[in-house]
Amino acid sequence: MPWKELTIAVLTAACGQILIKLGAPSPFTLAGLFDVKLLAGLGLYGISALAWVAALGKQDLGRLYPFTAATFVLVMLGSALILHETWGLRQCIGATLVLAGLYVITAG
């Protein structure tokens, strides 16, 4: 399993999503597209894509794709810690189920 590439892909995608949220213009304007946080988030998405391609060169897509679910949980954690968004019981249960599902799919 290409753990280094997967880790980079998942972490940079999650961090990129948080930065995109922080830099997203509201209301949407073309000038707002040049926000440093937004551009940094898009750059991290690009790095994530490159790491993903590197991982795919080493392993089957069907074995790797479930790891994208980890990005969902990391974005949820980042939204709580950085953006101060609140989680309810449903979000906590859902994140736990996502991680349990990832374990079941990839174990062994």
PDB file of N, CA and C in Angstrom:
ATOM      1  N   MET A   1       0.851  -1.180   0.000  1.00  0.00           N
ATOM      2  CA  MET A   1       0.000   0.000   0.000  1.00  0.00           C
ATOM      3  C   MET A   1       0.900   1.249   0.000  1.00  0.00           C
ATOM      4  N   PRO A   2       0.662   2.156  -0.890  1.00  0.00           N
ATOM      5  CA  PRO A   2       1.478   3.379  -0.963  1.00  0.00           C
ATOM      6  C   PRO A   2       1.066   4.404   0.110  1.00  0.00           C
ATOM      7  N   TRP A   3       1.443   4.122   1.355  1.00  0.00           N
ATOM      8  CA  TRP A   3       0.983   4.922   2.494  1.00  0.00           C
ATOM      9  C   TRP A   3       1.423   6.373   2.420  1.00  0.00           C
ATOM     10  N   LYS A   4       2.647   6.624   2.001  1.00  0.00           N
ATOM     11  CA  LYS A   4       3.136   8.007   1.945  1.00  0.00           C
ATOM     12  C   LYS A   4       2.291   8.834   0.982  1.00  0.00           C
ATOM     13  N   GLU A   5       2.054   8.301  -0.204  1.00  0.00           N
ATOM     14  CA  GLU A   5       1.273   9.023  -1.210  1.00  0.00           C
ATOM     15  C   GLU A   5      -0.170   9.219  -0.766  1.00  0.00           C
ATOM     16  N   LEU A   6      -0.755   8.176  -0.156  1.00  0.00           N
ATOM     17  CA  LEU A   6      -2.129   8.279   0.338  1.00  0.00           C
ATOM     18  C   LEU A   6      -2.247   9.323   1.443  1.00  0.00           C
ATOM     19  N   THR A   7      -1.293   9.326   2.349  1.00  0.00           N
ATOM     20  CA  THR A   7      -1.311  10.299   3.450  1.00  0.00           C
ATOM     21  C   THR A   7      -1.227  11.724   2.916  1.00  0.00           C
ATOM     22  N   ILE A   8      -0.329  11.935   1.981  1.00  0.00           N
ATOM     23  CA  ILE A   8      -0.194  13.271   1.380  1.00  0.00           C
ATOM     24  C   ILE A   8      -1.476  13.662   0.659  1.00  0.00           C
ATOM     25  N   ALA A   9      -2.040  12.737  -0.102  1.00  0.00           N
ATOM     26  CA  ALA A   9      -3.262  13.031  -0.862  1.00  0.00           C
ATOM     27  C   ALA A   9      -4.424  13.387   0.061  1.00  0.00           C
ATOM     28  N   VAL A  10      -4.612  12.616   1.109  1.00  0.00           N
ATOM     29  CA  VAL A  10      -5.740  12.835   2.015  1.00  0.00           C
ATOM     30  C   VAL A  10      -5.548  14.122   2.824  1.00  0.00           C
ATOM     31  N   LEU A  11      -4.360  14.320   3.382  1.00  0.00           N
ATOM     32  CA  LEU A  11      -4.122  15.508   4.207  1.00  0.00           C
ATOM     33  C   LEU A  11      -4.172  16.802   3.400  1.00  0.00           C
ATOM     34  N   THR A  12      -3.570  16.802   2.226  1.00  0.00           N
ATOM     35  CA  THR A  12      -3.580  18.033   1.433  1.00  0.00           C
ATOM     36  C   THR A  12      -4.979  18.338   0.893  1.00  0.00           C
ATOM     37  N   ALA A  13      -5.756  17.311   0.583  1.00  0.00           N
ATOM     38  CA  ALA A  13      -7.133  17.543   0.133  1.00  0.00           C
ATOM     39  C   ALA A  13      -7.966  18.153   1.258  1.00  0.00           C
ATOM     40  N   ALA A  14      -7.822  17.621   2.465  1.00  0.00           N
ATOM     41  CA  ALA A  14      -8.589  18.147   3.604  1.00  0.00           C
ATOM     42  C   ALA A  14      -8.164  19.575   3.946  1.00  0.00           C
ATOM     43  N   CYS A  15      -6.862  19.810   4.018  1.00  0.00           N
ATOM     44  CA  CYS A  15      -6.375  21.168   4.310  1.00  0.00           C
ATOM     45  C   CYS A  15      -6.778  22.138   3.202  1.00  0.00           C
ATOM     46  N   GLY A  16      -6.719  21.682   1.974  1.00  0.00           N
ATOM     47  CA  GLY A  16      -7.127  22.507   0.849  1.00  0.00           C
ATOM     48  C   GLY A  16      -8.588  22.916   0.952  1.00  0.00           C
ATOM     49  N   GLN A  17      -9.434  21.985   1.349  1.00  0.00           N
ATOM     50  CA  GLN A  17     -10.860  22.284   1.472  1.00  0.00           C
ATOM     51  C   GLN A  17     -11.107  23.343   2.547  1.00  0.00           C
ATOM     52  N   ILE A  18     -10.412  23.248   3.672  1.00  0.00           N
ATOM     53  CA  ILE A  18     -10.561  24.249   4.744  1.00  0.00           C
ATOM     54  C   ILE A  18     -10.102  25.622   4.244  1.00  0.00           C
ATOM     55  N   LEU A  19      -8.968  25.660   3.550  1.00  0.00           N
ATOM     56  CA  LEU A  19      -8.481  26.943   3.022  1.00  0.00           C
ATOM     57  C   LEU A  19      -9.419  27.519   1.965  1.00  0.00           C
ATOM     58  N   ILE A  20      -9.986  26.664   1.150  1.00  0.00           N
ATOM     59  CA  ILE A  20     -10.950  27.142   0.147  1.00  0.00           C
ATOM     60  C   ILE A  20     -12.147  27.781   0.848  1.00  0.00           C
ATOM     61  N   LYS A  21     -12.620  27.158   1.917  1.00  0.00           N
ATOM     62  CA  LYS A  21     -13.733  27.727   2.678  1.00  0.00           C
ATOM     63  C   LYS A  21     -13.340  29.077   3.279  1.00  0.00           C
ATOM     64  N   LEU A  22     -12.143  29.149   3.844  1.00  0.00           N
ATOM     65  CA  LEU A  22     -11.681  30.402   4.453  1.00  0.00           C
ATOM     66  C   LEU A  22     -11.523  31.520   3.424  1.00  0.00           C
ATOM     67  N   GLY A  23     -11.171  31.152   2.202  1.00  0.00           N
ATOM     68  CA  GLY A  23     -10.935  32.159   1.175  1.00  0.00           C
ATOM     69  C   GLY A  23     -12.088  32.383   0.223  1.00  0.00           C
ATOM     70  N   ALA A  24     -13.166  31.634   0.393  1.00  0.00           N
ATOM     71  CA  ALA A  24     -14.299  31.737  -0.537  1.00  0.00           C
ATOM     72  C   ALA A  24     -14.947  33.119  -0.424  1.00  0.00           C
ATOM     73  N   PRO A  25     -15.053  33.818  -1.549  1.00  0.00           N
ATOM     74  CA  PRO A  25     -15.657  35.147  -1.512  1.00  0.00           C
ATOM     75  C   PRO A  25     -17.171  35.068  -1.320  1.00  0.00           C
ATOM     76  N   SER A  26     -17.666  35.957  -0.482  1.00  0.00           N
ATOM     77  CA  SER A  26     -19.109  36.029  -0.273  1.00  0.00           C
ATOM     78  C   SER A  26     -19.516  37.489  -0.229  1.00  0.00           C
ATOM     79  N   PRO A  27     -20.261  37.969  -1.159  1.00  0.00           N
ATOM     80  CA  PRO A  27     -20.803  37.254  -2.301  1.00  0.00           C
ATOM     81  C   PRO A  27     -19.707  36.963  -3.321  1.00  0.00           C
ATOM     82  N   PHE A  28     -19.986  36.039  -4.202  1.00  0.00           N
ATOM     83  CA  PHE A  28     -19.013  35.627  -5.206  1.00  0.00           C
ATOM     84  C   PHE A  28     -18.706  36.777  -6.162  1.00  0.00           C
ATOM     85  N   THR A  29     -17.423  37.077  -6.293  1.00  0.00           N
ATOM     86  CA  THR A  29     -16.958  38.068  -7.267  1.00  0.00           C
ATOM     87  C   THR A  29     -15.695  37.537  -7.918  1.00  0.00           C
ATOM     88  N   LEU A  30     -15.413  37.984  -9.112  1.00  0.00           N
ATOM     89  CA  LEU A  30     -14.176  37.557  -9.785  1.00  0.00           C
ATOM     90  C   LEU A  30     -12.953  38.048  -9.032  1.00  0.00           C
ATOM     91  N   ALA A  31     -13.018  39.247  -8.471  1.00  0.00           N
ATOM     92  CA  ALA A  31     -11.889  39.771  -7.703  1.00  0.00           C
ATOM     93  C   ALA A  31     -11.599  38.885  -6.492  1.00  0.00           C
ATOM     94  N   GLY A  32     -12.651  38.290  -5.919  1.00  0.00           N
ATOM     95  CA  GLY A  32     -12.478  37.426  -4.757  1.00  0.00           C
ATOM     96  C   GLY A  32     -11.747  36.139  -5.060  1.00  0.00           C
ATOM     97  N   LEU A  33     -11.623  35.805  -6.328  1.00  0.00           N
ATOM     98  CA  LEU A  33     -10.924  34.579  -6.702  1.00  0.00           C
ATOM     99  C   LEU A  33      -9.423  34.671  -6.474  1.00  0.00           C
ATOM    100  N   PHE A  34      -8.925  35.853  -6.186  1.00  0.00           N
ATOM    101  CA  PHE A  34      -7.495  36.034  -5.983  1.00  0.00           C
ATOM    102  C   PHE A  34      -7.117  36.102  -4.511  1.00  0.00           C
ATOM    103  N   ASP A  35      -7.986  35.642  -3.648  1.00  0.00           N
ATOM    104  CA  ASP A  35      -7.693  35.573  -2.219  1.00  0.00           C
ATOM    105  C   ASP A  35      -6.575  34.556  -1.981  1.00  0.00           C
ATOM    106  N   VAL A  36      -5.630  34.913  -1.145  1.00  0.00           N
ATOM    107  CA  VAL A  36      -4.465  34.054  -0.893  1.00  0.00           C
ATOM    108  C   VAL A  36      -4.884  32.696  -0.334  1.00  0.00           C
ATOM    109  N   LYS A  37      -5.845  32.693   0.585  1.00  0.00           N
ATOM    110  CA  LYS A  37      -6.285  31.422   1.172  1.00  0.00           C
ATOM    111  C   LYS A  37      -6.953  30.538   0.129  1.00  0.00           C
ATOM    112  N   LEU A  38      -7.749  31.134  -0.712  1.00  0.00           N
ATOM    113  CA  LEU A  38      -8.412  30.377  -1.773  1.00  0.00           C
ATOM    114  C   LEU A  38      -7.382  29.783  -2.736  1.00  0.00           C
ATOM    115  N   LEU A  39      -6.429  30.588  -3.144  1.00  0.00           N
ATOM    116  CA  LEU A  39      -5.397  30.102  -4.065  1.00  0.00           C
ATOM    117  C   LEU A  39      -4.533  29.030  -3.414  1.00  0.00           C
ATOM    118  N   ALA A  40      -4.218  29.191  -2.124  1.00  0.00           N
ATOM    119  CA  ALA A  40      -3.437  28.175  -1.416  1.00  0.00           C
ATOM    120  C   ALA A  40      -4.223  26.865  -1.328  1.00  0.00           C
ATOM    121  N   GLY A  41      -5.524  26.973  -1.063  1.00  0.00           N
ATOM    122  CA  GLY A  41      -6.363  25.778  -1.004  1.00  0.00           C
ATOM    123  C   GLY A  41      -6.409  25.054  -2.334  1.00  0.00           C
ATOM    124  N   LEU A  42      -6.535  25.804  -3.415  1.00  0.00           N
ATOM    125  CA  LEU A  42      -6.531  25.195  -4.739  1.00  0.00           C
ATOM    126  C   LEU A  42      -5.173  24.561  -5.045  1.00  0.00           C
ATOM    127  N   GLY A  43      -4.100  25.214  -4.595  1.00  0.00           N
ATOM    128  CA  GLY A  43      -2.767  24.643  -4.775  1.00  0.00           C
ATOM    129  C   GLY A  43      -2.614  23.323  -4.042  1.00  0.00           C
ATOM    130  N   LEU A  44      -3.154  23.262  -2.819  1.00  0.00           N
ATOM    131  CA  LEU A  44      -3.099  22.010  -2.066  1.00  0.00           C
ATOM    132  C   LEU A  44      -3.917  20.918  -2.753  1.00  0.00           C
ATOM    133  N   TYR A  45      -5.031  21.300  -3.360  1.00  0.00           N
ATOM    134  CA  TYR A  45      -5.806  20.329  -4.128  1.00  0.00           C
ATOM    135  C   TYR A  45      -4.973  19.771  -5.282  1.00  0.00           C
ATOM    136  N   GLY A  46      -4.194  20.634  -5.909  1.00  0.00           N
ATOM    137  CA  GLY A  46      -3.320  20.179  -6.990  1.00  0.00           C
ATOM    138  C   GLY A  46      -2.273  19.198  -6.495  1.00  0.00           C
ATOM    139  N   ILE A  47      -1.673  19.491  -5.341  1.00  0.00           N
ATOM    140  CA  ILE A  47      -0.695  18.578  -4.740  1.00  0.00           C
ATOM    141  C   ILE A  47      -1.369  17.256  -4.396  1.00  0.00           C
ATOM    142  N   SER A  48      -2.588  17.339  -3.871  1.00  0.00           N
ATOM    143  CA  SER A  48      -3.341  16.127  -3.550  1.00  0.00           C
ATOM    144  C   SER A  48      -3.551  15.270  -4.794  1.00  0.00           C
ATOM    145  N   ALA A  49      -3.904  15.911  -5.892  1.00  0.00           N
ATOM    146  CA  ALA A  49      -4.133  15.173  -7.136  1.00  0.00           C
ATOM    147  C   ALA A  49      -2.850  14.487  -7.611  1.00  0.00           C
ATOM    148  N   LEU A  50      -1.729  15.166  -7.499  1.00  0.00           N
ATOM    149  CA  LEU A  50      -0.458  14.566  -7.901  1.00  0.00           C
ATOM    150  C   LEU A  50      -0.097  13.379  -7.017  1.00  0.00           C
ATOM    151  N   ALA A  51      -0.310  13.509  -5.718  1.00  0.00           N
ATOM    152  CA  ALA A  51      -0.037  12.398  -4.803  1.00  0.00           C
ATOM    153  C   ALA A  51      -0.974  11.228  -5.097  1.00  0.00           C
ATOM    154  N   TRP A  52      -2.223  11.539  -5.441  1.00  0.00           N
ATOM    155  CA  TRP A  52      -3.193  10.500  -5.779  1.00  0.00           C
ATOM    156  C   TRP A  52      -2.754   9.728  -7.025  1.00  0.00           C
ATOM    157  N   VAL A  53      -2.287  10.449  -8.019  1.00  0.00           N
ATOM    158  CA  VAL A  53      -1.806   9.799  -9.251  1.00  0.00           C
ATOM    159  C   VAL A  53      -0.608   8.900  -8.929  1.00  0.00           C
ATOM    160  N   ALA A  54       0.292   9.389  -8.075  1.00  0.00           N
ATOM    161  CA  ALA A  54       1.450   8.578  -7.684  1.00  0.00           C
ATOM    162  C   ALA A  54       1.001   7.303  -6.966  1.00  0.00           C
ATOM    163  N   ALA A  55      -0.007   7.423  -6.101  1.00  0.00           N
ATOM    164  CA  ALA A  55      -0.521   6.242  -5.395  1.00  0.00           C
ATOM    165  C   ALA A  55      -1.160   5.268  -6.376  1.00  0.00           C
ATOM    166  N   LEU A  56      -1.915   5.793  -7.339  1.00  0.00           N
ATOM    167  CA  LEU A  56      -2.577   4.926  -8.320  1.00  0.00           C
ATOM    168  C   LEU A  56      -1.580   4.175  -9.189  1.00  0.00           C
ATOM    169  N   GLY A  57      -0.389   4.750  -9.356  1.00  0.00           N
ATOM    170  CA  GLY A  57       0.648   4.060 -10.108  1.00  0.00           C
ATOM    171  C   GLY A  57       1.202   2.851  -9.381  1.00  0.00           C
ATOM    172  N   LYS A  58       0.893   2.733  -8.088  1.00  0.00           N
ATOM    173  CA  LYS A  58       1.436   1.642  -7.283  1.00  0.00           C
ATOM    174  C   LYS A  58       0.398   0.621  -6.811  1.00  0.00           C
ATOM    175  N   GLN A  59      -0.896   0.970  -6.936  1.00  0.00           N
ATOM    176  CA  GLN A  59      -1.932   0.099  -6.374  1.00  0.00           C
ATOM    177  C   GLN A  59      -3.222   0.235  -7.172  1.00  0.00           C
ATOM    178  N   ASP A  60      -4.089  -0.740  -7.077  1.00  0.00           N
ATOM    179  CA  ASP A  60      -5.367  -0.730  -7.781  1.00  0.00           C
ATOM    180  C   ASP A  60      -6.292   0.358  -7.241  1.00  0.00           C
ATOM    181  N   LEU A  61      -7.064   0.949  -8.124  1.00  0.00           N
ATOM    182  CA  LEU A  61      -8.023   1.984  -7.750  1.00  0.00           C
ATOM    183  C   LEU A  61      -9.023   1.471  -6.723  1.00  0.00           C
ATOM    184  N   GLY A  62      -9.522   0.272  -6.925  1.00  0.00           N
ATOM    185  CA  GLY A  62     -10.501  -0.302  -6.004  1.00  0.00           C
ATOM    186  C   GLY A  62      -9.990  -0.467  -4.587  1.00  0.00           C
ATOM    187  N   ARG A  63      -8.690  -0.637  -4.428  1.00  0.00           N
ATOM    188  CA  ARG A  63      -8.101  -0.750  -3.081  1.00  0.00           C
ATOM    189  C   ARG A  63      -7.803   0.618  -2.476  1.00  0.00           C
ATOM    190  N   LEU A  64      -7.557   1.607  -3.331  1.00  0.00           N
ATOM    191  CA  LEU A  64      -7.189   2.936  -2.830  1.00  0.00           C
ATOM    192  C   LEU A  64      -8.377   3.862  -2.593  1.00  0.00           C
ATOM    193  N   TYR A  65      -9.381   3.769  -3.440  1.00  0.00           N
ATOM    194  CA  TYR A  65     -10.453   4.760  -3.410  1.00  0.00           C
ATOM    195  C   TYR A  65     -11.160   4.884  -2.059  1.00  0.00           C
ATOM    196  N   PRO A  66     -11.352   3.809  -1.305  1.00  0.00           N
ATOM    197  CA  PRO A  66     -12.003   3.967   0.000  1.00  0.00           C
ATOM    198  C   PRO A  66     -11.285   4.955   0.925  1.00  0.00           C
ATOM    199  N   PHE A  67      -9.998   5.170   0.718  1.00  0.00           N
ATOM    200  CA  PHE A  67      -9.263   6.093   1.584  1.00  0.00           C
ATOM    201  C   PHE A  67      -9.704   7.545   1.413  1.00  0.00           C
ATOM    202  N   THR A  68     -10.401   7.840   0.323  1.00  0.00           N
ATOM    203  CA  THR A  68     -10.922   9.203   0.181  1.00  0.00           C
ATOM    204  C   THR A  68     -11.942   9.505   1.275  1.00  0.00           C
ATOM    205  N   ALA A  69     -12.540   8.479   1.867  1.00  0.00           N
ATOM    206  CA  ALA A  69     -13.488   8.675   2.963  1.00  0.00           C
ATOM    207  C   ALA A  69     -12.815   9.318   4.176  1.00  0.00           C
ATOM    208  N   ALA A  70     -11.527   9.058   4.345  1.00  0.00           N
ATOM    209  CA  ALA A  70     -10.807   9.682   5.460  1.00  0.00           C
ATOM    210  C   ALA A  70     -10.790  11.197   5.313  1.00  0.00           C
ATOM    211  N   THR A  71     -10.813  11.682   4.083  1.00  0.00           N
ATOM    212  CA  THR A  71     -10.846  13.123   3.842  1.00  0.00           C
ATOM    213  C   THR A  71     -12.120  13.730   4.422  1.00  0.00           C
ATOM    214  N   PHE A  72     -13.244  13.024   4.308  1.00  0.00           N
ATOM    215  CA  PHE A  72     -14.502  13.537   4.851  1.00  0.00           C
ATOM    216  C   PHE A  72     -14.379  13.809   6.340  1.00  0.00           C
ATOM    217  N   VAL A  73     -13.809  12.850   7.050  1.00  0.00           N
ATOM    218  CA  VAL A  73     -13.686  12.972   8.501  1.00  0.00           C
ATOM    219  C   VAL A  73     -12.696  14.080   8.862  1.00  0.00           C
ATOM    220  N   LEU A  74     -11.593  14.173   8.144  1.00  0.00           N
ATOM    221  CA  LEU A  74     -10.617  15.228   8.429  1.00  0.00           C
ATOM    222  C   LEU A  74     -11.198  16.618   8.169  1.00  0.00           C
ATOM    223  N   VAL A  75     -11.993  16.756   7.124  1.00  0.00           N
ATOM    224  CA  VAL A  75     -12.638  18.040   6.854  1.00  0.00           C
ATOM    225  C   VAL A  75     -13.626  18.374   7.969  1.00  0.00           C
ATOM    226  N   MET A  76     -14.345  17.373   8.453  1.00  0.00           N
ATOM    227  CA  MET A  76     -15.264  17.612   9.564  1.00  0.00           C
ATOM    228  C   MET A  76     -14.506  18.061  10.811  1.00  0.00           C
ATOM    229  N   LEU A  77     -13.382  17.410  11.098  1.00  0.00           N
ATOM    230  CA  LEU A  77     -12.567  17.814  12.252  1.00  0.00           C
ATOM    231  C   LEU A  77     -12.028  19.234  12.075  1.00  0.00           C
ATOM    232  N   GLY A  78     -11.533  19.516  10.881  1.00  0.00           N
ATOM    233  CA  GLY A  78     -11.019  20.859  10.604  1.00  0.00           C
ATOM    234  C   GLY A  78     -12.092  21.917  10.694  1.00  0.00           C
ATOM    235  N   SER A  79     -13.298  21.577  10.250  1.00  0.00           N
ATOM    236  CA  SER A  79     -14.385  22.553  10.324  1.00  0.00           C
ATOM    237  C   SER A  79     -14.738  22.863  11.768  1.00  0.00           C
ATOM    238  N   ALA A  80     -14.602  21.887  12.641  1.00  0.00           N
ATOM    239  CA  ALA A  80     -14.877  22.119  14.059  1.00  0.00           C
ATOM    240  C   ALA A  80     -13.735  22.891  14.730  1.00  0.00           C
ATOM    241  N   LEU A  81     -12.499  22.483  14.467  1.00  0.00           N
ATOM    242  CA  LEU A  81     -11.356  23.080  15.159  1.00  0.00           C
ATOM    243  C   LEU A  81     -10.965  24.453  14.610  1.00  0.00           C
ATOM    244  N   ILE A  82     -11.043  24.624  13.302  1.00  0.00           N
ATOM    245  CA  ILE A  82     -10.561  25.864  12.677  1.00  0.00           C
ATOM    246  C   ILE A  82     -11.704  26.838  12.385  1.00  0.00           C
ATOM    247  N   LEU A  83     -12.807  26.301  11.882  1.00  0.00           N
ATOM    248  CA  LEU A  83     -13.926  27.160  11.502  1.00  0.00           C
ATOM    249  C   LEU A  83     -14.957  27.303  12.619  1.00  0.00           C
ATOM    250  N   HIS A  84     -14.759  26.557  13.706  1.00  0.00           N
ATOM    251  CA  HIS A  84     -15.641  26.600  14.878  1.00  0.00           C
ATOM    252  C   HIS A  84     -17.083  26.221  14.534  1.00  0.00           C
ATOM    253  N   GLU A  85     -17.227  25.303  13.590  1.00  0.00           N
ATOM    254  CA  GLU A  85     -18.540  24.757  13.277  1.00  0.00           C
ATOM    255  C   GLU A  85     -18.868  23.678  14.309  1.00  0.00           C
ATOM    256  N   THR A  86     -20.117  23.520  14.620  1.00  0.00           N
ATOM    257  CA  THR A  86     -20.496  22.561  15.659  1.00  0.00           C
ATOM    258  C   THR A  86     -20.886  21.222  15.058  1.00  0.00           C
ATOM    259  N   TRP A  87     -20.619  20.192  15.819  1.00  0.00           N
ATOM    260  CA  TRP A  87     -21.007  18.842  15.469  1.00  0.00           C
ATOM    261  C   TRP A  87     -22.143  18.431  16.389  1.00  0.00           C
ATOM    262  N   GLY A  88     -23.061  17.672  15.853  1.00  0.00           N
ATOM    263  CA  GLY A  88     -24.102  17.051  16.657  1.00  0.00           C
ATOM    264  C   GLY A  88     -23.826  15.569  16.781  1.00  0.00           C
ATOM    265  N   LEU A  89     -24.723  14.905  17.444  1.00  0.00           N
ATOM    266  CA  LEU A  89     -24.580  13.465  17.632  1.00  0.00           C
ATOM    267  C   LEU A  89     -24.559  12.733  16.292  1.00  0.00           C
ATOM    268  N   ARG A  90     -25.385  13.172  15.351  1.00  0.00           N
ATOM    269  CA  ARG A  90     -25.429  12.514  14.041  1.00  0.00           C
ATOM    270  C   ARG A  90     -24.090  12.611  13.310  1.00  0.00           C
ATOM    271  N   GLN A  91     -23.451  13.770  13.369  1.00  0.00           N
ATOM    272  CA  GLN A  91     -22.156  13.930  12.704  1.00  0.00           C
ATOM    273  C   GLN A  91     -21.104  13.031  13.357  1.00  0.00           C
ATOM    274  N   CYS A  92     -21.136  12.945  14.676  1.00  0.00           N
ATOM    275  CA  CYS A  92     -20.175  12.077  15.378  1.00  0.00           C
ATOM    276  C   CYS A  92     -20.397  10.611  15.022  1.00  0.00           C
ATOM    277  N   ILE A  93     -21.648  10.193  15.001  1.00  0.00           N
ATOM    278  CA  ILE A  93     -21.957   8.810  14.634  1.00  0.00           C
ATOM    279  C   ILE A  93     -21.571   8.557  13.176  1.00  0.00           C
ATOM    280  N   GLY A  94     -21.902   9.498  12.310  1.00  0.00           N
ATOM    281  CA  GLY A  94     -21.561   9.346  10.898  1.00  0.00           C
ATOM    282  C   GLY A  94     -20.070   9.227  10.662  1.00  0.00           C
ATOM    283  N   ALA A  95     -19.277  10.089  11.322  1.00  0.00           N
ATOM    284  CA  ALA A  95     -17.822  10.028  11.170  1.00  0.00           C
ATOM    285  C   ALA A  95     -17.283   8.695  11.677  1.00  0.00           C
ATOM    286  N   THR A  96     -17.830   8.207  12.771  1.00  0.00           N
ATOM    287  CA  THR A  96     -17.411   6.917  13.307  1.00  0.00           C
ATOM    288  C   THR A  96     -17.739   5.789  12.329  1.00  0.00           C
ATOM    289  N   LEU A  97     -18.924   5.849  11.737  1.00  0.00           N
ATOM    290  CA  LEU A  97     -19.314   4.825  10.761  1.00  0.00           C
ATOM    291  C   LEU A  97     -18.435   4.871   9.511  1.00  0.00           C
ATOM    292  N   VAL A  98     -18.083   6.076   9.084  1.00  0.00           N
ATOM    293  CA  VAL A  98     -17.197   6.208   7.914  1.00  0.00           C
ATOM    294  C   VAL A  98     -15.853   5.548   8.210  1.00  0.00           C
ATOM    295  N   LEU A  99     -15.285   5.839   9.365  1.00  0.00           N
ATOM    296  CA  LEU A  99     -13.988   5.248   9.720  1.00  0.00           C
ATOM    297  C   LEU A  99     -14.095   3.737   9.907  1.00  0.00           C
ATOM    298  N   ALA A 100     -15.198   3.285  10.510  1.00  0.00           N
ATOM    299  CA  ALA A 100     -15.398   1.838  10.665  1.00  0.00           C
ATOM    300  C   ALA A 100     -15.535   1.179   9.289  1.00  0.00           C
ATOM    301  N   GLY A 101     -16.252   1.808   8.401  1.00  0.00           N
ATOM    302  CA  GLY A 101     -16.391   1.268   7.054  1.00  0.00           C
ATOM    303  C   GLY A 101     -15.064   1.210   6.329  1.00  0.00           C
ATOM    304  N   LEU A 102     -14.255   2.246   6.487  1.00  0.00           N
ATOM    305  CA  LEU A 102     -12.931   2.255   5.871  1.00  0.00           C
ATOM    306  C   LEU A 102     -12.096   1.092   6.401  1.00  0.00           C
ATOM    307  N   TYR A 103     -12.185   0.857   7.691  1.00  0.00           N
ATOM    308  CA  TYR A 103     -11.446  -0.250   8.285  1.00  0.00           C
ATOM    309  C   TYR A 103     -11.929  -1.591   7.708  1.00  0.00           C
ATOM    310  N   VAL A 104     -13.232  -1.777   7.651  1.00  0.00           N
ATOM    311  CA  VAL A 104     -13.791  -3.040   7.160  1.00  0.00           C
ATOM    312  C   VAL A 104     -13.385  -3.287   5.708  1.00  0.00           C
ATOM    313  N   ILE A 105     -13.461  -2.240   4.884  1.00  0.00           N
ATOM    314  CA  ILE A 105     -13.142  -2.393   3.464  1.00  0.00           C
ATOM    315  C   ILE A 105     -11.677  -2.702   3.235  1.00  0.00           C
ATOM    316  N   THR A 106     -10.791  -2.081   4.028  1.00  0.00           N
ATOM    317  CA  THR A 106      -9.363  -2.171   3.728  1.00  0.00           C
ATOM    318  C   THR A 106      -8.605  -3.164   4.600  1.00  0.00           C
ATOM    319  N   ALA A 107      -9.209  -3.674   5.644  1.00  0.00           N
ATOM    320  CA  ALA A 107      -8.500  -4.616   6.531  1.00  0.00           C
ATOM    321  C   ALA A 107      -8.194  -5.907   5.785  1.00  0.00           C
ATOM    322  N   GLY A 108      -7.010  -6.369   6.011  1.00  0.00           N
ATOM    323  CA  GLY A 108      -6.652  -7.660   5.441  1.00  0.00           C
ATOM    324  C   GLY A 108      -6.028  -7.611   4.161  1.00  0.00           C
TER     325      GLY A 108
END
